[in-house]
N, C-alpha and C. Protein backbone atom coordinates (compact mmCIF):
# COMPACT_ATOMS: atom_id res chain seq x y z
N UNK A 1 200.19 -153.32 116.60
CA UNK A 1 201.33 -153.44 115.71
C UNK A 1 201.09 -154.60 114.76
N UNK A 2 201.48 -154.37 113.53
CA UNK A 2 201.41 -155.41 112.51
C UNK A 2 202.83 -155.92 112.27
N UNK A 3 202.98 -157.25 112.22
CA UNK A 3 204.27 -157.87 111.99
C UNK A 3 204.16 -158.81 110.79
N UNK A 4 204.94 -158.55 109.77
CA UNK A 4 205.02 -159.44 108.60
C UNK A 4 206.44 -159.98 108.54
N UNK A 5 206.56 -161.26 108.24
CA UNK A 5 207.91 -161.82 108.13
C UNK A 5 207.97 -162.88 107.06
N UNK A 6 209.18 -163.07 106.56
CA UNK A 6 209.44 -164.14 105.60
C UNK A 6 210.89 -164.58 105.75
N UNK A 7 211.11 -165.84 105.42
CA UNK A 7 212.45 -166.41 105.46
C UNK A 7 212.83 -166.80 104.04
N UNK A 8 213.99 -166.31 103.61
CA UNK A 8 214.53 -166.64 102.29
C UNK A 8 216.01 -166.92 102.43
N UNK A 9 216.41 -168.12 102.05
CA UNK A 9 217.82 -168.50 102.03
C UNK A 9 218.54 -168.15 103.33
N UNK A 10 217.92 -168.45 104.45
CA UNK A 10 218.55 -168.24 105.75
C UNK A 10 218.43 -166.83 106.29
N UNK A 11 217.78 -165.93 105.55
CA UNK A 11 217.59 -164.56 106.04
C UNK A 11 216.15 -164.38 106.48
N UNK A 12 215.98 -163.94 107.71
CA UNK A 12 214.66 -163.61 108.24
C UNK A 12 214.44 -162.12 108.05
N UNK A 13 213.40 -161.76 107.31
CA UNK A 13 213.05 -160.36 107.08
C UNK A 13 211.73 -160.07 107.78
N UNK A 14 211.73 -159.03 108.60
CA UNK A 14 210.54 -158.65 109.35
C UNK A 14 210.21 -157.20 109.03
N UNK A 15 208.94 -156.94 108.79
CA UNK A 15 208.45 -155.58 108.56
C UNK A 15 207.47 -155.26 109.67
N UNK A 16 207.75 -154.17 110.40
CA UNK A 16 206.90 -153.74 111.50
C UNK A 16 206.09 -152.52 111.08
N UNK A 17 204.87 -152.44 111.58
CA UNK A 17 204.00 -151.31 111.28
C UNK A 17 203.27 -150.93 112.56
N UNK A 18 203.56 -149.74 113.10
CA UNK A 18 202.90 -149.28 114.31
C UNK A 18 203.91 -148.86 115.36
N UNK A 19 203.44 -148.77 116.58
CA UNK A 19 204.29 -148.37 117.71
C UNK A 19 204.92 -149.61 118.35
N UNK A 20 206.19 -149.48 118.68
CA UNK A 20 206.89 -150.55 119.40
C UNK A 20 207.06 -150.07 120.83
N UNK A 21 206.09 -150.39 121.67
CA UNK A 21 206.04 -149.88 123.04
C UNK A 21 205.70 -151.00 124.02
N UNK A 22 205.35 -150.64 125.23
CA UNK A 22 205.08 -151.65 126.26
C UNK A 22 203.88 -152.52 125.92
N UNK A 23 202.97 -152.01 125.11
CA UNK A 23 201.79 -152.78 124.73
C UNK A 23 202.06 -153.76 123.59
N UNK A 24 203.05 -153.49 122.75
CA UNK A 24 203.28 -154.30 121.56
C UNK A 24 204.60 -155.06 121.56
N UNK A 25 205.52 -154.71 122.43
CA UNK A 25 206.84 -155.33 122.40
C UNK A 25 206.78 -156.83 122.71
N UNK A 26 205.85 -157.23 123.56
CA UNK A 26 205.70 -158.66 123.87
C UNK A 26 205.30 -159.47 122.65
N UNK A 27 204.47 -158.88 121.81
CA UNK A 27 204.05 -159.54 120.58
C UNK A 27 205.25 -159.76 119.66
N UNK A 28 206.08 -158.73 119.52
CA UNK A 28 207.28 -158.87 118.69
C UNK A 28 208.24 -159.88 119.30
N UNK A 29 208.41 -159.82 120.59
CA UNK A 29 209.31 -160.77 121.27
C UNK A 29 208.86 -162.21 121.03
N UNK A 30 207.57 -162.48 121.16
CA UNK A 30 207.04 -163.83 120.93
C UNK A 30 207.24 -164.26 119.48
N UNK A 31 207.03 -163.33 118.56
CA UNK A 31 207.21 -163.63 117.14
C UNK A 31 208.67 -163.98 116.85
N UNK A 32 209.58 -163.20 117.38
CA UNK A 32 211.01 -163.45 117.17
C UNK A 32 211.44 -164.76 117.81
N UNK A 33 210.90 -165.06 118.97
CA UNK A 33 211.23 -166.32 119.66
C UNK A 33 210.88 -167.51 118.76
N UNK A 34 209.75 -167.41 118.09
CA UNK A 34 209.29 -168.49 117.22
C UNK A 34 210.11 -168.57 115.93
N UNK A 35 210.44 -167.42 115.36
CA UNK A 35 211.08 -167.38 114.04
C UNK A 35 212.60 -167.52 114.07
N UNK A 36 213.25 -167.10 115.14
CA UNK A 36 214.72 -167.12 115.18
C UNK A 36 215.24 -168.50 115.57
N UNK A 37 215.42 -169.32 114.57
CA UNK A 37 215.95 -170.66 114.78
C UNK A 37 217.44 -170.66 114.43
N UNK A 38 218.09 -171.76 114.69
CA UNK A 38 219.52 -171.87 114.37
C UNK A 38 219.80 -171.78 112.87
N UNK A 39 218.78 -172.04 112.05
CA UNK A 39 218.98 -171.99 110.60
C UNK A 39 218.98 -170.55 110.06
N UNK A 40 218.58 -169.60 110.87
CA UNK A 40 218.57 -168.20 110.45
C UNK A 40 220.00 -167.66 110.52
N UNK A 41 220.49 -167.19 109.38
CA UNK A 41 221.86 -166.69 109.31
C UNK A 41 221.94 -165.18 109.43
N UNK A 42 220.85 -164.48 109.11
CA UNK A 42 220.84 -163.03 109.25
C UNK A 42 219.40 -162.57 109.46
N UNK A 43 219.29 -161.37 110.04
CA UNK A 43 217.99 -160.81 110.38
C UNK A 43 217.93 -159.36 109.91
N UNK A 44 216.85 -159.02 109.23
CA UNK A 44 216.59 -157.64 108.83
C UNK A 44 215.23 -157.24 109.38
N UNK A 45 215.19 -156.11 110.08
CA UNK A 45 213.93 -155.60 110.61
C UNK A 45 213.69 -154.23 110.00
N UNK A 46 212.60 -154.11 109.24
CA UNK A 46 212.24 -152.86 108.60
C UNK A 46 211.40 -152.03 109.56
N UNK A 47 211.94 -150.89 109.98
CA UNK A 47 211.28 -150.01 110.93
C UNK A 47 210.64 -148.80 110.24
N UNK A 48 210.50 -148.84 108.92
CA UNK A 48 210.01 -147.71 108.17
C UNK A 48 208.63 -147.22 108.59
N UNK A 49 207.78 -148.12 109.07
CA UNK A 49 206.43 -147.74 109.48
C UNK A 49 206.29 -147.70 111.01
N UNK A 50 207.42 -147.69 111.71
CA UNK A 50 207.41 -147.57 113.17
C UNK A 50 207.61 -146.10 113.51
N UNK A 51 206.61 -145.51 114.16
CA UNK A 51 206.70 -144.08 114.47
C UNK A 51 207.15 -143.80 115.89
N UNK A 52 207.25 -144.86 116.71
CA UNK A 52 207.66 -144.68 118.11
C UNK A 52 208.25 -145.98 118.62
N UNK A 53 209.34 -145.86 119.39
CA UNK A 53 209.92 -147.02 120.07
C UNK A 53 210.22 -146.63 121.51
N UNK A 54 209.76 -147.46 122.43
CA UNK A 54 209.97 -147.19 123.86
C UNK A 54 211.14 -148.01 124.39
N UNK A 55 211.41 -147.86 125.67
CA UNK A 55 212.48 -148.64 126.30
C UNK A 55 212.19 -150.14 126.23
N UNK A 56 210.92 -150.52 126.29
CA UNK A 56 210.56 -151.94 126.14
C UNK A 56 210.88 -152.43 124.74
N UNK A 57 210.63 -151.60 123.74
CA UNK A 57 210.98 -151.95 122.38
C UNK A 57 212.49 -152.09 122.21
N UNK A 58 213.24 -151.18 122.82
CA UNK A 58 214.70 -151.27 122.79
C UNK A 58 215.18 -152.55 123.46
N UNK A 59 214.53 -152.92 124.55
CA UNK A 59 214.90 -154.16 125.26
C UNK A 59 214.75 -155.37 124.34
N UNK A 60 213.67 -155.41 123.56
CA UNK A 60 213.47 -156.51 122.62
C UNK A 60 214.58 -156.52 121.57
N UNK A 61 214.96 -155.35 121.10
CA UNK A 61 216.04 -155.27 120.11
C UNK A 61 217.37 -155.76 120.69
N UNK A 62 217.66 -155.37 121.92
CA UNK A 62 218.91 -155.81 122.57
C UNK A 62 218.89 -157.32 122.80
N UNK A 63 217.78 -157.85 123.27
CA UNK A 63 217.67 -159.29 123.50
C UNK A 63 217.82 -160.06 122.19
N UNK A 64 217.27 -159.51 121.12
CA UNK A 64 217.38 -160.15 119.81
C UNK A 64 218.82 -160.09 119.31
N UNK A 65 219.48 -158.95 119.52
CA UNK A 65 220.88 -158.80 119.15
C UNK A 65 221.73 -159.87 119.85
N UNK A 66 221.47 -160.07 121.11
CA UNK A 66 222.21 -161.08 121.87
C UNK A 66 221.92 -162.48 121.35
N UNK A 67 220.66 -162.73 121.03
CA UNK A 67 220.27 -164.05 120.53
C UNK A 67 220.89 -164.32 119.16
N UNK A 68 221.09 -163.28 118.37
CA UNK A 68 221.72 -163.46 117.07
C UNK A 68 223.18 -163.91 117.21
N UNK A 69 223.79 -163.62 118.35
CA UNK A 69 225.12 -164.14 118.68
C UNK A 69 226.14 -163.94 117.56
N UNK A 70 226.24 -162.70 117.08
CA UNK A 70 227.24 -162.39 116.07
C UNK A 70 226.75 -162.49 114.63
N UNK A 71 225.60 -163.10 114.43
CA UNK A 71 225.04 -163.13 113.08
C UNK A 71 224.53 -161.73 112.72
N UNK A 72 224.58 -161.36 111.45
CA UNK A 72 224.16 -160.00 111.06
C UNK A 72 222.71 -159.69 111.43
N UNK A 73 222.52 -158.48 111.97
CA UNK A 73 221.19 -157.96 112.29
C UNK A 73 221.13 -156.52 111.82
N UNK A 74 220.25 -156.25 110.86
CA UNK A 74 220.13 -154.92 110.28
C UNK A 74 218.77 -154.32 110.62
N UNK A 75 218.78 -153.07 111.01
CA UNK A 75 217.54 -152.32 111.24
C UNK A 75 217.43 -151.33 110.09
N UNK A 76 216.36 -151.44 109.32
CA UNK A 76 216.22 -150.70 108.08
C UNK A 76 215.17 -149.60 108.17
N UNK A 77 215.40 -148.53 107.43
CA UNK A 77 214.41 -147.48 107.18
C UNK A 77 213.90 -146.77 108.44
N UNK A 78 214.67 -146.76 109.50
CA UNK A 78 214.24 -146.07 110.72
C UNK A 78 214.14 -144.57 110.46
N UNK A 79 213.06 -143.96 110.94
CA UNK A 79 212.91 -142.51 110.77
C UNK A 79 213.81 -141.78 111.78
N UNK A 80 213.87 -140.49 111.67
CA UNK A 80 214.78 -139.69 112.50
C UNK A 80 214.48 -139.82 113.99
N UNK A 81 213.21 -139.88 114.37
CA UNK A 81 212.90 -139.96 115.80
C UNK A 81 213.27 -141.33 116.38
N UNK A 82 213.10 -142.38 115.63
CA UNK A 82 213.50 -143.71 116.10
C UNK A 82 215.02 -143.80 116.19
N UNK A 83 215.72 -143.26 115.19
CA UNK A 83 217.19 -143.24 115.24
C UNK A 83 217.67 -142.44 116.45
N UNK A 84 216.98 -141.37 116.77
CA UNK A 84 217.35 -140.54 117.92
C UNK A 84 217.22 -141.32 119.22
N UNK A 85 216.20 -142.15 119.35
CA UNK A 85 216.04 -142.97 120.56
C UNK A 85 217.22 -143.92 120.70
N UNK A 86 217.64 -144.54 119.60
CA UNK A 86 218.81 -145.42 119.65
C UNK A 86 220.07 -144.63 120.02
N UNK A 87 220.20 -143.42 119.45
CA UNK A 87 221.37 -142.60 119.74
C UNK A 87 221.40 -142.18 121.21
N UNK A 88 220.28 -141.69 121.72
CA UNK A 88 220.22 -141.23 123.11
C UNK A 88 220.46 -142.36 124.11
N UNK A 89 220.07 -143.56 123.74
CA UNK A 89 220.26 -144.71 124.63
C UNK A 89 221.67 -145.29 124.51
N UNK A 90 222.43 -144.82 123.51
CA UNK A 90 223.78 -145.34 123.30
C UNK A 90 223.81 -146.67 122.56
N UNK A 91 222.68 -147.09 122.02
CA UNK A 91 222.60 -148.40 121.37
C UNK A 91 222.91 -148.38 119.88
N UNK A 92 223.03 -147.21 119.28
CA UNK A 92 223.28 -147.15 117.85
C UNK A 92 224.59 -147.83 117.48
N UNK A 93 225.53 -147.93 118.40
CA UNK A 93 226.82 -148.56 118.09
C UNK A 93 226.71 -150.07 117.94
N UNK A 94 225.62 -150.66 118.43
CA UNK A 94 225.43 -152.10 118.35
C UNK A 94 224.62 -152.52 117.12
N UNK A 95 223.88 -151.58 116.55
CA UNK A 95 222.97 -151.91 115.47
C UNK A 95 223.38 -151.21 114.19
N UNK A 96 223.17 -151.90 113.08
CA UNK A 96 223.40 -151.33 111.77
C UNK A 96 222.11 -150.65 111.34
N UNK A 97 221.96 -149.37 111.69
CA UNK A 97 220.75 -148.60 111.36
C UNK A 97 220.90 -148.03 109.97
N UNK A 98 220.11 -148.54 109.05
CA UNK A 98 220.19 -148.07 107.65
C UNK A 98 218.94 -147.34 107.29
């Protein structure tokens, strides 16, 4: 998985490319741990190039949602199969899937 990120005016933007599964979710988790500081006011994660997300990937998203503690978190450009995983897990109600 490739992870690109930038911080602009308190917004952390992350672009993911590849599968978000048991092999790659730890990498994303470590990256988010480093980047999500108290100065981050909102988070956007672009899932446009993510073709698969596993339960481990969902766990990272839920942990990140909790860490954001009410600050905006947007998941962008998710394809139909990724959106379906969120829907089937019941997690779509917690995330702003655009």
